[in-house]
Amino acid sequence: MSSGTDEELDMLSPSFNPIKALYSKNVQVPSTTAKPLDNISKFELAPTGEVIIKPERPRRHNEYNIESIQRDLSAVAGTSQVSLVQRIIKQRRTVLARMSEIGKSRGPLSRIATFCYAKQRVKVYIRSAVTVRGHCEGYIIAFDKHWNLVMDDVDEVWTRKNKYKSLAIGDARSLDDPVEKPYAVIKRIKGHQVCRRHVPRFFVRGEQIVLVAKCLV
């Protein structure tokens, strides 16, 4: 065998010919410890010219589930083989699992977790486009990293502008509205009124929250 043919069959040579290597019986494998049908991305060339196998990255326990699937390859390239494919499935973490992880950490969200697990009544201040709209008092039963809150037994207090329709005769404020409102007006300020309502369950978006504080009473 000529020296040119040896270089074409040498996997470490720049003249390596993979087509000839597939049909030749004189191919020498650089690494005898390589596993058959392994991933080529696990191999790397050392500065000494030796091909070594990269060590696997350590993974946490119970992070992945490996599921074996049988795949029929009879329709591929005219073969009649059945390959066993291992598919890695990552376990999905629910909102409750993430809440328990946040409760063990440090930071502002850990305080929210304390309010939630201790069942402490809190006051959540909510903003409008330009100012603080009002606040909600209740119990936090669920939250996430975006500060979205699900609250129970909520008393909401907010400020809104006076909205009266003008009448041809008389004052609109002197007329009783026949439609029962889902809220009650507890205070009137110049041009505004403070409203209050009770909601059994309430969802607050995190982008609307200004402050979360513990109720003193």
Protein backbone atom coordinates (compact mmCIF):
# COMPACT_ATOMS: atom_id res chain seq x y z
CA MET A 1 0.00 0.00 0.00
CA SER A 2 1.39 3.42 -0.96
CA SER A 3 2.00 6.26 1.46
CA GLY A 4 -0.77 8.30 -0.22
CA THR A 5 -3.31 5.58 0.46
CA ASP A 6 -2.15 5.37 4.09
CA GLU A 7 -2.76 9.10 4.52
CA GLU A 8 -6.24 8.79 3.01
CA LEU A 9 -7.10 6.10 5.57
CA ASP A 10 -5.57 7.98 8.49
CA MET A 11 -8.37 9.78 10.35
CA LEU A 12 -5.92 12.31 11.77
CA SER A 13 -4.49 13.24 8.40
CA PRO A 14 -5.74 16.25 6.41
CA SER A 15 -5.91 13.95 3.37
CA PHE A 16 -8.36 11.57 5.04
CA ASN A 17 -10.88 10.12 2.58
CA PRO A 18 -14.04 8.95 4.39
CA ILE A 19 -15.41 7.11 1.34
CA LYS A 20 -12.32 4.92 1.09
CA ALA A 21 -12.32 4.39 4.83
CA LEU A 22 -15.86 3.00 4.70
CA TYR A 23 -14.90 0.26 2.20
CA SER A 24 -11.35 -0.45 3.39
CA LYS A 25 -10.33 -3.12 5.91
CA ASN A 26 -7.07 -1.42 6.88
CA VAL A 27 -8.56 1.49 8.80
CA GLN A 28 -7.15 1.99 12.28
CA VAL A 29 -9.45 3.58 14.81
CA PRO A 30 -7.63 6.36 16.73
CA SER A 31 -9.41 5.53 20.00
CA THR A 32 -10.07 1.94 20.99
CA THR A 33 -12.26 3.00 23.90
CA ALA A 34 -14.84 4.72 21.69
CA LYS A 35 -18.34 3.36 21.99
CA PRO A 36 -20.07 2.17 18.80
CA LEU A 37 -22.60 4.60 17.31
CA ASP A 38 -21.61 7.28 19.82
CA ASN A 39 -22.05 11.01 19.27
CA ILE A 40 -19.08 12.52 17.44
CA SER A 41 -19.43 15.76 19.40
CA LYS A 42 -18.11 13.91 22.48
CA PHE A 43 -14.69 13.46 20.85
CA GLU A 44 -11.95 16.06 20.74
CA LEU A 45 -8.35 16.16 19.52
CA ALA A 46 -5.76 16.66 22.27
CA PRO A 47 -2.64 18.81 21.65
CA THR A 48 -0.59 15.61 21.62
CA GLY A 49 -2.56 14.35 18.60
CA GLU A 50 -4.55 11.79 20.58
CA VAL A 51 -8.33 11.62 20.29
CA ILE A 52 -9.94 11.74 23.71
CA ILE A 53 -13.55 11.52 24.87
CA LYS A 54 -15.03 14.53 26.63
CA PRO A 55 -16.31 13.82 30.14
CA GLU A 56 -20.09 13.98 30.51
CA ARG A 57 -21.56 16.97 32.28
CA PRO A 58 -22.93 15.99 35.69
CA ARG A 59 -26.69 16.37 35.99
CA ARG A 60 -28.88 16.72 38.98
CA HIS A 61 -30.93 13.77 40.08
CA ASN A 62 -34.55 13.58 38.97
CA GLU A 63 -33.99 16.34 36.42
CA TYR A 64 -34.45 14.18 33.32
CA ASN A 65 -36.38 11.06 32.48
CA ILE A 66 -35.02 8.76 29.77
CA GLU A 67 -37.65 7.06 27.69
CA SER A 68 -36.77 4.26 25.26
CA ILE A 69 -38.59 4.22 21.93
CA GLN A 70 -38.42 1.57 19.24
CA ARG A 71 -38.25 3.06 15.76
CA ASP A 72 -38.75 0.98 12.64
CA LEU A 73 -36.17 1.76 9.92
CA SER A 74 -37.55 -0.62 7.28
CA ALA A 75 -38.59 2.31 5.07
CA VAL A 76 -35.16 3.97 5.28
CA ALA A 77 -32.54 2.93 2.69
CA GLY A 78 -34.24 -0.44 2.18
CA THR A 79 -33.14 -1.84 5.53
CA SER A 80 -35.17 -4.02 7.89
CA GLN A 81 -33.84 -2.81 11.23
CA VAL A 82 -35.47 -1.65 14.39
CA SER A 83 -33.37 0.85 16.37
CA LEU A 84 -33.78 1.63 20.03
CA VAL A 85 -33.78 5.38 20.46
CA GLN A 86 -33.45 7.00 23.86
CA ARG A 87 -35.30 10.26 24.18
CA ILE A 88 -34.51 12.58 27.07
CA ILE A 89 -37.57 14.21 28.57
CA LYS A 90 -37.19 17.05 31.04
CA GLN A 91 -39.64 17.04 33.89
CA ARG A 92 -42.07 19.94 33.87
CA ARG A 93 -42.21 22.03 36.99
CA THR A 94 -45.60 23.30 37.99
CA VAL A 95 -46.38 26.65 39.57
CA LEU A 96 -46.57 25.01 43.01
CA ALA A 97 -43.10 23.48 42.57
CA ARG A 98 -41.64 26.83 41.58
CA MET A 99 -43.35 28.49 44.53
CA SER A 100 -41.63 26.08 46.93
CA GLU A 101 -38.26 26.82 45.29
CA ILE A 102 -38.79 30.57 45.64
CA GLY A 103 -39.71 30.11 49.31
CA LYS A 104 -36.28 28.59 50.00
CA SER A 105 -34.41 31.45 48.29
CA ARG A 106 -33.67 35.01 49.35
CA GLY A 107 -35.06 38.18 47.89
CA PRO A 108 -38.34 40.08 47.52
CA LEU A 109 -40.22 37.02 46.26
CA SER A 110 -39.27 35.06 49.38
CA ARG A 111 -41.27 37.62 51.35
CA ILE A 112 -44.28 36.95 49.12
CA ALA A 113 -43.82 33.23 49.79
CA THR A 114 -43.82 33.93 53.54
CA PHE A 115 -47.12 35.81 53.26
CA CYS A 116 -48.57 32.96 51.19
CA TYR A 117 -47.55 30.02 53.39
CA ALA A 118 -48.22 31.82 56.68
CA LYS A 119 -51.67 32.89 55.42
CA GLN A 120 -51.10 36.49 56.39
CA ARG A 121 -53.47 39.15 55.11
CA VAL A 122 -51.63 41.62 52.88
CA LYS A 123 -52.33 44.94 51.21
CA VAL A 124 -51.35 45.19 47.54
CA TYR A 125 -51.16 48.68 46.07
CA ILE A 126 -52.10 48.83 42.40
CA ARG A 127 -51.18 51.55 39.95
CA SER A 128 -52.98 53.10 37.00
CA ALA A 129 -51.40 54.75 33.98
CA VAL A 130 -50.27 57.86 35.89
CA THR A 131 -50.82 57.29 39.62
CA VAL A 132 -51.73 54.79 42.33
CA ARG A 133 -55.22 53.51 41.57
CA GLY A 134 -55.99 51.86 44.91
CA HIS A 135 -55.23 48.77 46.95
CA CYS A 136 -56.45 45.22 47.53
CA GLU A 137 -56.53 43.47 50.90
CA GLY A 138 -56.63 39.70 50.94
CA TYR A 139 -54.70 36.44 51.21
CA ILE A 140 -52.16 35.36 48.60
CA ILE A 141 -52.73 31.77 47.51
CA ALA A 142 -50.45 31.63 44.43
CA PHE A 143 -47.73 33.70 42.77
CA ASP A 144 -44.97 33.44 40.18
CA LYS A 145 -41.66 35.13 39.34
CA HIS A 146 -43.45 37.88 37.38
CA TRP A 147 -45.27 38.98 40.58
CA ASN A 148 -48.62 37.79 39.25
CA LEU A 149 -50.76 37.14 42.32
CA VAL A 150 -53.89 35.10 42.95
CA MET A 151 -55.66 36.42 46.04
CA ASP A 152 -58.55 35.13 48.14
CA ASP A 153 -61.19 37.01 50.16
CA VAL A 154 -60.25 40.38 48.64
CA ASP A 155 -61.53 43.83 49.58
CA GLU A 156 -60.65 46.22 46.77
CA VAL A 157 -60.62 50.00 47.25
CA TRP A 158 -59.98 52.29 44.31
CA THR A 159 -60.54 55.89 43.19
CA ARG A 160 -62.45 56.81 40.06
CA LYS A 161 -63.68 59.99 38.46
CA ASN A 162 -67.26 61.16 38.92
CA LYS A 163 -69.28 60.16 35.89
CA TYR A 164 -72.66 61.87 35.69
CA LYS A 165 -74.78 62.29 32.63
CA SER A 166 -76.07 65.80 32.09
CA LEU A 167 -79.86 66.21 32.14
CA ALA A 168 -81.97 68.89 30.56
CA ILE A 169 -83.73 69.64 33.88
CA GLY A 170 -82.44 68.99 37.40
CA ASP A 171 -79.27 67.52 38.78
CA ALA A 172 -78.09 64.04 37.79
CA ARG A 173 -76.70 63.41 41.29
CA SER A 174 -80.16 63.81 42.83
CA LEU A 175 -81.56 60.85 40.87
CA ASP A 176 -81.32 57.28 42.17
CA ASP A 177 -79.75 54.79 39.82
CA PRO A 178 -82.14 51.83 39.44
CA VAL A 179 -79.25 49.52 38.50
CA GLU A 180 -77.50 48.03 41.50
CA LYS A 181 -73.75 48.61 41.31
CA PRO A 182 -71.28 45.83 42.20
CA TYR A 183 -69.44 48.34 44.39
CA ALA A 184 -70.20 50.92 47.04
CA VAL A 185 -69.05 54.55 47.17
CA ILE A 186 -67.49 55.13 50.60
CA LYS A 187 -66.08 58.63 50.11
CA ARG A 188 -66.39 61.53 47.70
CA ILE A 189 -63.47 63.78 46.88
CA LYS A 190 -63.41 66.77 44.58
CA GLY A 191 -64.19 65.33 41.15
CA HIS A 192 -63.55 61.75 42.33
CA GLN A 193 -65.17 59.05 44.40
CA VAL A 194 -63.61 56.24 46.41
CA CYS A 195 -65.24 52.87 45.72
CA ARG A 196 -65.10 49.58 47.57
CA ARG A 197 -66.10 46.03 46.66
CA HIS A 198 -65.56 42.48 47.88
CA VAL A 199 -64.27 39.81 45.49
CA PRO A 200 -64.03 36.13 46.53
CA ARG A 201 -61.02 35.49 44.28
CA PHE A 202 -58.88 38.05 42.51
CA PHE A 203 -56.02 37.94 39.98
CA VAL A 204 -53.50 40.80 39.96
CA ARG A 205 -50.99 41.20 37.15
CA GLY A 206 -47.43 41.82 38.29
CA GLU A 207 -46.94 44.85 36.06
CA GLN A 208 -49.72 46.68 37.95
CA ILE A 209 -48.27 46.12 41.45
CA VAL A 210 -46.57 49.02 43.24
CA LEU A 211 -46.12 47.64 46.77
CA VAL A 212 -47.01 44.57 48.82
CA ALA A 213 -47.24 45.09 52.60
CA LYS A 214 -48.52 43.14 55.56
CA CYS A 215 -51.82 44.33 57.05
CA LEU A 216 -51.33 45.55 60.62
CA VAL A 217 -54.91 44.83 61.67
